[in-house]
């Protein structure tokens, strides 16, 4: 608890760990997501009732939520959900950034901060699940060394924290404030036919996706 990181992103904001007292702010952030961004975050359609209930569950389970906060308002969030209660070896991660701040380094800064937090907690494996059309999320996961594969209509990534991260990711984890120099780039990732299949080591979701809550 108590994690905080000042960033130089535009607009300037803080990345900090949320507590139960921040639930209304977190709910408001998720509810402000545009239909497309909400679909990206939850891998499908979700109504306001589900989103509000999901936000509450994040503070009643073994989850960690970091947020990008601008003038007291949450504009982006990164979640870490352990796969098995009481065991932090493996966790699933998820991200949400409001439209006005997308492709401006906020996602990369949150990703880097969450990787650093996961390492400090003793996590060794991170899982990320997104729908196949979410190019920005796939590119960001690949930037941090995720091994990506397809399961049905989803892209599943696995990040082994026991291995060295790619150079850019290492720079960002050491200093998330530099994320503005490495914004998310949906066009930087494409799949060959051989990648659109299940690969060894890719596993299913364990808590952060919409349908598993």
C-alpha atoms as a PDB file:
ATOM      1  CA  UNK A   1       0.000   0.000   0.000  1.00  0.00           C
ATOM      2  CA  UNK A   2       1.021   3.632  -0.323  1.00  0.00           C
ATOM      3  CA  UNK A   3       2.603   3.316  -3.779  1.00  0.00           C
ATOM      4  CA  UNK A   4       2.832   6.650  -5.590  1.00  0.00           C
ATOM      5  CA  UNK A   5       4.680   7.869  -8.685  1.00  0.00           C
ATOM      6  CA  UNK A   6       4.730  11.397 -10.095  1.00  0.00           C
ATOM      7  CA  UNK A   7       4.694  11.491 -13.900  1.00  0.00           C
ATOM      8  CA  UNK A   8       5.415  14.135 -16.512  1.00  0.00           C
ATOM      9  CA  UNK A   9       2.712  12.919 -18.859  1.00  0.00           C
ATOM     10  CA  UNK A  10       0.324  15.398 -20.476  1.00  0.00           C
ATOM     11  CA  UNK A  11      -1.659  16.329 -18.520  1.00  0.00           C
ATOM     12  CA  UNK A  12       0.563  15.912 -15.470  1.00  0.00           C
ATOM     13  CA  UNK A  13      -0.769  13.477 -12.931  1.00  0.00           C
ATOM     14  CA  UNK A  14       0.038  10.983 -10.210  1.00  0.00           C
ATOM     15  CA  UNK A  15       0.046   7.198 -10.345  1.00  0.00           C
ATOM     16  CA  UNK A  16      -0.970   5.830  -6.964  1.00  0.00           C
ATOM     17  CA  UNK A  17      -2.472   2.742  -5.392  1.00  0.00           C
ATOM     18  CA  UNK A  18      -6.174   2.966  -4.622  1.00  0.00           C
ATOM     19  CA  UNK A  19      -7.919   2.069  -1.380  1.00  0.00           C
ATOM     20  CA  UNK A  20     -11.572   1.364  -0.583  1.00  0.00           C
ATOM     21  CA  UNK A  21     -12.078   5.092  -0.007  1.00  0.00           C
ATOM     22  CA  UNK A  22     -11.344   5.594  -3.719  1.00  0.00           C
ATOM     23  CA  UNK A  23     -14.156   3.285  -4.885  1.00  0.00           C
ATOM     24  CA  UNK A  24     -16.485   6.116  -6.029  1.00  0.00           C
ATOM     25  CA  UNK A  25     -13.650   7.639  -8.089  1.00  0.00           C
ATOM     26  CA  UNK A  26     -12.801   4.268  -9.636  1.00  0.00           C
ATOM     27  CA  UNK A  27     -16.435   3.539 -10.469  1.00  0.00           C
ATOM     28  CA  UNK A  28     -16.798   6.963 -12.086  1.00  0.00           C
ATOM     29  CA  UNK A  29     -13.700   6.356 -14.201  1.00  0.00           C
ATOM     30  CA  UNK A  30     -14.957   3.017 -15.515  1.00  0.00           C
ATOM     31  CA  UNK A  31     -18.408   4.449 -16.183  1.00  0.00           C
ATOM     32  CA  UNK A  32     -16.893   7.329 -18.191  1.00  0.00           C
ATOM     33  CA  UNK A  33     -15.205   4.972 -20.634  1.00  0.00           C
ATOM     34  CA  UNK A  34     -16.602   5.305 -24.131  1.00  0.00           C
ATOM     35  CA  UNK A  35     -18.454   2.277 -25.560  1.00  0.00           C
ATOM     36  CA  UNK A  36     -15.352   1.285 -27.543  1.00  0.00           C
ATOM     37  CA  UNK A  37     -13.009   1.702 -24.565  1.00  0.00           C
ATOM     38  CA  UNK A  38     -15.391  -0.193 -22.305  1.00  0.00           C
ATOM     39  CA  UNK A  39     -15.470  -3.022 -24.829  1.00  0.00           C
ATOM     40  CA  UNK A  40     -11.669  -3.010 -24.919  1.00  0.00           C
ATOM     41  CA  UNK A  41     -11.493  -3.157 -21.123  1.00  0.00           C
ATOM     42  CA  UNK A  42     -14.128  -5.848 -20.568  1.00  0.00           C
ATOM     43  CA  UNK A  43     -13.826  -7.794 -23.840  1.00  0.00           C
ATOM     44  CA  UNK A  44     -17.461  -7.274 -24.726  1.00  0.00           C
ATOM     45  CA  UNK A  45     -20.658  -5.412 -23.877  1.00  0.00           C
ATOM     46  CA  UNK A  46     -21.262  -4.481 -20.230  1.00  0.00           C
ATOM     47  CA  UNK A  47     -23.948  -2.235 -18.760  1.00  0.00           C
ATOM     48  CA  UNK A  48     -23.514   0.354 -16.000  1.00  0.00           C
ATOM     49  CA  UNK A  49     -24.852  -1.967 -13.304  1.00  0.00           C
ATOM     50  CA  UNK A  50     -22.233  -4.594 -14.104  1.00  0.00           C
ATOM     51  CA  UNK A  51     -19.414  -2.027 -14.271  1.00  0.00           C
ATOM     52  CA  UNK A  52     -20.325  -0.521 -10.891  1.00  0.00           C
ATOM     53  CA  UNK A  53     -20.548  -3.958  -9.280  1.00  0.00           C
ATOM     54  CA  UNK A  54     -17.246  -4.989 -10.852  1.00  0.00           C
ATOM     55  CA  UNK A  55     -15.493  -1.918  -9.432  1.00  0.00           C
ATOM     56  CA  UNK A  56     -16.780  -2.778  -5.960  1.00  0.00           C
ATOM     57  CA  UNK A  57     -15.536  -6.365  -6.259  1.00  0.00           C
ATOM     58  CA  UNK A  58     -12.042  -5.064  -6.952  1.00  0.00           C
ATOM     59  CA  UNK A  59     -11.927  -3.771  -3.384  1.00  0.00           C
ATOM     60  CA  UNK A  60     -13.440  -6.869  -1.799  1.00  0.00           C
ATOM     61  CA  UNK A  61     -11.009  -9.355  -3.333  1.00  0.00           C
ATOM     62  CA  UNK A  62      -7.258  -9.886  -3.341  1.00  0.00           C
ATOM     63  CA  UNK A  63      -6.732  -7.230  -6.005  1.00  0.00           C
ATOM     64  CA  UNK A  64      -4.417  -4.262  -6.415  1.00  0.00           C
ATOM     65  CA  UNK A  65      -5.531  -1.184  -8.359  1.00  0.00           C
ATOM     66  CA  UNK A  66      -3.210   1.611  -9.466  1.00  0.00           C
ATOM     67  CA  UNK A  67      -4.645   4.767 -10.984  1.00  0.00           C
ATOM     68  CA  UNK A  68      -3.489   7.713 -13.052  1.00  0.00           C
ATOM     69  CA  UNK A  69      -5.007  10.672 -11.209  1.00  0.00           C
ATOM     70  CA  UNK A  70      -5.329  14.185 -12.654  1.00  0.00           C
ATOM     71  CA  UNK A  71      -6.620  16.937 -10.353  1.00  0.00           C
ATOM     72  CA  UNK A  72      -8.338  14.409  -8.118  1.00  0.00           C
ATOM     73  CA  UNK A  73     -10.001  12.504 -10.983  1.00  0.00           C
ATOM     74  CA  UNK A  74      -9.004   9.014 -12.097  1.00  0.00           C
ATOM     75  CA  UNK A  75      -8.307   9.014 -15.845  1.00  0.00           C
ATOM     76  CA  UNK A  76      -6.648   5.619 -16.152  1.00  0.00           C
ATOM     77  CA  UNK A  77      -6.308   2.467 -14.079  1.00  0.00           C
ATOM     78  CA  UNK A  78      -4.274  -0.722 -13.895  1.00  0.00           C
ATOM     79  CA  UNK A  79      -5.541  -3.775 -12.029  1.00  0.00           C
ATOM     80  CA  UNK A  80      -3.760  -6.854 -10.702  1.00  0.00           C
ATOM     81  CA  UNK A  81      -5.904  -9.848  -9.695  1.00  0.00           C
ATOM     82  CA  UNK A  82      -4.174 -12.875  -8.174  1.00  0.00           C
ATOM     83  CA  UNK A  83      -5.207 -16.144  -9.788  1.00  0.00           C
ATOM     84  CA  UNK A  84      -5.456 -18.079  -6.516  1.00  0.00           C
ATOM     85  CA  UNK A  85      -6.380 -16.425  -3.198  1.00  0.00           C
ATOM     86  CA  UNK A  86      -3.441 -16.338  -0.847  1.00  0.00           C
ATOM     87  CA  UNK A  87      -0.956 -17.154  -3.618  1.00  0.00           C
ATOM     88  CA  UNK A  88       0.602 -14.247  -5.478  1.00  0.00           C
ATOM     89  CA  UNK A  89       2.783 -16.249  -7.864  1.00  0.00           C
ATOM     90  CA  UNK A  90       0.415 -15.689 -10.801  1.00  0.00           C
ATOM     91  CA  UNK A  91      -1.919 -12.795 -11.487  1.00  0.00           C
ATOM     92  CA  UNK A  92      -4.031 -11.341 -14.275  1.00  0.00           C
ATOM     93  CA  UNK A  93      -3.672  -7.691 -15.198  1.00  0.00           C
ATOM     94  CA  UNK A  94      -6.060  -5.274 -16.908  1.00  0.00           C
ATOM     95  CA  UNK A  95      -5.993  -1.633 -17.967  1.00  0.00           C
ATOM     96  CA  UNK A  96      -8.369   1.213 -18.779  1.00  0.00           C
ATOM     97  CA  UNK A  97      -7.562   4.697 -20.086  1.00  0.00           C
ATOM     98  CA  UNK A  98     -10.133   7.333 -20.961  1.00  0.00           C
ATOM     99  CA  UNK A  99     -10.254   8.317 -24.632  1.00  0.00           C
ATOM    100  CA  UNK A 100      -8.718  11.785 -24.270  1.00  0.00           C
ATOM    101  CA  UNK A 101      -5.513  10.318 -22.811  1.00  0.00           C
ATOM    102  CA  UNK A 102      -5.091   7.282 -25.028  1.00  0.00           C
ATOM    103  CA  UNK A 103      -1.890   6.973 -27.087  1.00  0.00           C
ATOM    104  CA  UNK A 104      -0.164   9.570 -24.877  1.00  0.00           C
ATOM    105  CA  UNK A 105       1.915   7.247 -22.706  1.00  0.00           C
ATOM    106  CA  UNK A 106      -0.567   6.794 -19.849  1.00  0.00           C
ATOM    107  CA  UNK A 107      -1.110   3.093 -20.566  1.00  0.00           C
ATOM    108  CA  UNK A 108       2.627   2.458 -20.766  1.00  0.00           C
ATOM    109  CA  UNK A 109       3.236   4.275 -17.478  1.00  0.00           C
ATOM    110  CA  UNK A 110       0.476   2.299 -15.756  1.00  0.00           C
ATOM    111  CA  UNK A 111       1.774  -0.963 -17.231  1.00  0.00           C
ATOM    112  CA  UNK A 112       5.309  -0.214 -16.018  1.00  0.00           C
ATOM    113  CA  UNK A 113       4.099   0.771 -12.560  1.00  0.00           C
ATOM    114  CA  UNK A 114       2.003  -2.382 -12.269  1.00  0.00           C
ATOM    115  CA  UNK A 115       4.922  -4.606 -13.322  1.00  0.00           C
ATOM    116  CA  UNK A 116       7.083  -2.968 -10.650  1.00  0.00           C
ATOM    117  CA  UNK A 117       4.316  -3.451  -8.059  1.00  0.00           C
ATOM    118  CA  UNK A 118       3.814  -7.089  -9.107  1.00  0.00           C
ATOM    119  CA  UNK A 119       7.514  -7.803  -8.692  1.00  0.00           C
ATOM    120  CA  UNK A 120       7.505  -6.210  -5.245  1.00  0.00           C
ATOM    121  CA  UNK A 121       4.551  -8.442  -4.289  1.00  0.00           C
ATOM    122  CA  UNK A 122       6.420 -11.567  -5.398  1.00  0.00           C
ATOM    123  CA  UNK A 123       4.472 -12.291  -8.590  1.00  0.00           C
ATOM    124  CA  UNK A 124       6.367 -14.371 -11.137  1.00  0.00           C
ATOM    125  CA  UNK A 125       3.793 -14.649 -13.949  1.00  0.00           C
ATOM    126  CA  UNK A 126       1.346 -12.091 -15.306  1.00  0.00           C
ATOM    127  CA  UNK A 127      -1.556 -12.877 -17.638  1.00  0.00           C
ATOM    128  CA  UNK A 128      -3.333 -10.368 -19.853  1.00  0.00           C
ATOM    129  CA  UNK A 129      -6.442 -11.114 -21.919  1.00  0.00           C
ATOM    130  CA  UNK A 130      -7.976  -8.857 -24.558  1.00  0.00           C
ATOM    131  CA  UNK A 131     -10.167  -9.220 -27.621  1.00  0.00           C
ATOM    132  CA  UNK A 132      -8.390  -9.843 -30.893  1.00  0.00           C
ATOM    133  CA  UNK A 133      -9.095  -6.360 -32.307  1.00  0.00           C
ATOM    134  CA  UNK A 134      -7.542  -4.437 -29.413  1.00  0.00           C
ATOM    135  CA  UNK A 135      -4.322  -3.548 -31.216  1.00  0.00           C
ATOM    136  CA  UNK A 136      -3.146  -1.008 -28.626  1.00  0.00           C
ATOM    137  CA  UNK A 137      -3.347  -3.491 -25.760  1.00  0.00           C
ATOM    138  CA  UNK A 138      -1.613  -6.226 -27.743  1.00  0.00           C
ATOM    139  CA  UNK A 139       1.171  -3.849 -28.741  1.00  0.00           C
ATOM    140  CA  UNK A 140       1.605  -2.684 -25.154  1.00  0.00           C
ATOM    141  CA  UNK A 141       1.706  -6.253 -23.822  1.00  0.00           C
ATOM    142  CA  UNK A 142       4.268  -7.213 -26.456  1.00  0.00           C
ATOM    143  CA  UNK A 143       6.357  -4.180 -25.472  1.00  0.00           C
ATOM    144  CA  UNK A 144       6.614  -5.649 -21.974  1.00  0.00           C
ATOM    145  CA  UNK A 145       7.677  -9.064 -23.215  1.00  0.00           C
ATOM    146  CA  UNK A 146       4.327 -10.855 -23.323  1.00  0.00           C
ATOM    147  CA  UNK A 147       4.154 -14.091 -25.297  1.00  0.00           C
ATOM    148  CA  UNK A 148       0.893 -13.678 -27.210  1.00  0.00           C
ATOM    149  CA  UNK A 149      -1.454 -16.284 -28.624  1.00  0.00           C
ATOM    150  CA  UNK A 150      -5.116 -16.657 -29.555  1.00  0.00           C
ATOM    151  CA  UNK A 151      -7.811 -18.533 -27.660  1.00  0.00           C
ATOM    152  CA  UNK A 152     -11.076 -18.444 -29.587  1.00  0.00           C
ATOM    153  CA  UNK A 153     -11.665 -14.715 -30.286  1.00  0.00           C
ATOM    154  CA  UNK A 154      -9.301 -13.480 -27.558  1.00  0.00           C
ATOM    155  CA  UNK A 155      -5.603 -12.672 -27.474  1.00  0.00           C
ATOM    156  CA  UNK A 156      -3.887 -14.045 -24.372  1.00  0.00           C
ATOM    157  CA  UNK A 157      -0.496 -12.832 -23.188  1.00  0.00           C
ATOM    158  CA  UNK A 158       1.864 -14.240 -20.583  1.00  0.00           C
ATOM    159  CA  UNK A 159       4.702 -12.201 -19.033  1.00  0.00           C
ATOM    160  CA  UNK A 160       7.394 -14.149 -17.171  1.00  0.00           C
ATOM    161  CA  UNK A 161       8.766 -11.797 -14.515  1.00  0.00           C
ATOM    162  CA  UNK A 162      11.598 -14.225 -13.804  1.00  0.00           C
ATOM    163  CA  UNK A 163      13.065 -13.337 -17.189  1.00  0.00           C
ATOM    164  CA  UNK A 164      14.676 -10.079 -18.245  1.00  0.00           C
ATOM    165  CA  UNK A 165      12.225  -7.578 -19.713  1.00  0.00           C
ATOM    166  CA  UNK A 166      12.796  -6.033 -23.159  1.00  0.00           C
ATOM    167  CA  UNK A 167      15.058  -2.933 -23.023  1.00  0.00           C
ATOM    168  CA  UNK A 168      12.242  -0.403 -23.461  1.00  0.00           C
ATOM    169  CA  UNK A 169      10.181  -2.095 -20.749  1.00  0.00           C
ATOM    170  CA  UNK A 170      13.160  -2.095 -18.385  1.00  0.00           C
ATOM    171  CA  UNK A 171      13.559   1.653 -18.871  1.00  0.00           C
ATOM    172  CA  UNK A 172       9.871   2.244 -18.169  1.00  0.00           C
ATOM    173  CA  UNK A 173       9.727   0.035 -15.076  1.00  0.00           C
ATOM    174  CA  UNK A 174      12.712   1.917 -13.667  1.00  0.00           C
ATOM    175  CA  UNK A 175      11.131   5.273 -14.537  1.00  0.00           C
ATOM    176  CA  UNK A 176       7.427   5.191 -15.565  1.00  0.00           C
ATOM    177  CA  UNK A 177       7.489   8.964 -16.075  1.00  0.00           C
ATOM    178  CA  UNK A 178       9.390   8.366 -19.333  1.00  0.00           C
ATOM    179  CA  UNK A 179       6.346   6.666 -20.854  1.00  0.00           C
ATOM    180  CA  UNK A 180       5.466   9.766 -22.864  1.00  0.00           C
ATOM    181  CA  UNK A 181       8.493   8.972 -25.036  1.00  0.00           C
ATOM    182  CA  UNK A 182       7.114   5.479 -25.755  1.00  0.00           C
ATOM    183  CA  UNK A 183       3.355   5.934 -26.372  1.00  0.00           C
ATOM    184  CA  UNK A 184       1.153   3.003 -27.242  1.00  0.00           C
ATOM    185  CA  UNK A 185       1.221   2.341 -30.976  1.00  0.00           C
ATOM    186  CA  UNK A 186      -1.535   0.043 -32.249  1.00  0.00           C
ATOM    187  CA  UNK A 187       0.165  -0.160 -35.619  1.00  0.00           C
ATOM    188  CA  UNK A 188       3.389  -1.613 -34.241  1.00  0.00           C
ATOM    189  CA  UNK A 189       2.067  -5.147 -33.809  1.00  0.00           C
ATOM    190  CA  UNK A 190       0.788  -7.611 -36.362  1.00  0.00           C
ATOM    191  CA  UNK A 191       0.278 -11.377 -36.272  1.00  0.00           C
ATOM    192  CA  UNK A 192       1.502 -13.897 -38.760  1.00  0.00           C
ATOM    193  CA  UNK A 193      -0.709 -16.875 -39.530  1.00  0.00           C
ATOM    194  CA  UNK A 194       1.446 -18.993 -37.266  1.00  0.00           C
ATOM    195  CA  UNK A 195       0.763 -16.738 -34.281  1.00  0.00           C
ATOM    196  CA  UNK A 196      -3.007 -16.990 -34.573  1.00  0.00           C
ATOM    197  CA  UNK A 197      -3.002 -20.314 -32.782  1.00  0.00           C
ATOM    198  CA  UNK A 198      -2.732 -21.568 -29.245  1.00  0.00           C
ATOM    199  CA  UNK A 199       0.867 -21.667 -28.046  1.00  0.00           C
ATOM    200  CA  UNK A 200       2.316 -23.597 -25.141  1.00  0.00           C
ATOM    201  CA  UNK A 201       2.308 -21.558 -21.947  1.00  0.00           C
ATOM    202  CA  UNK A 202      -0.782 -19.473 -22.677  1.00  0.00           C
ATOM    203  CA  UNK A 203      -3.481 -19.985 -20.089  1.00  0.00           C
ATOM    204  CA  UNK A 204      -6.997 -18.726 -19.521  1.00  0.00           C
ATOM    205  CA  UNK A 205      -8.070 -15.697 -17.550  1.00  0.00           C
ATOM    206  CA  UNK A 206      -8.060 -15.675 -13.766  1.00  0.00           C
ATOM    207  CA  UNK A 207     -10.051 -12.700 -12.591  1.00  0.00           C
ATOM    208  CA  UNK A 208      -9.685  -9.382 -14.399  1.00  0.00           C
ATOM    209  CA  UNK A 209     -11.928  -9.962 -17.419  1.00  0.00           C
ATOM    210  CA  UNK A 210     -15.568  -8.962 -17.539  1.00  0.00           C
ATOM    211  CA  UNK A 211     -17.116 -12.397 -17.665  1.00  0.00           C
ATOM    212  CA  UNK A 212     -15.086 -13.750 -14.766  1.00  0.00           C
ATOM    213  CA  UNK A 213     -15.155 -10.613 -12.601  1.00  0.00           C
END
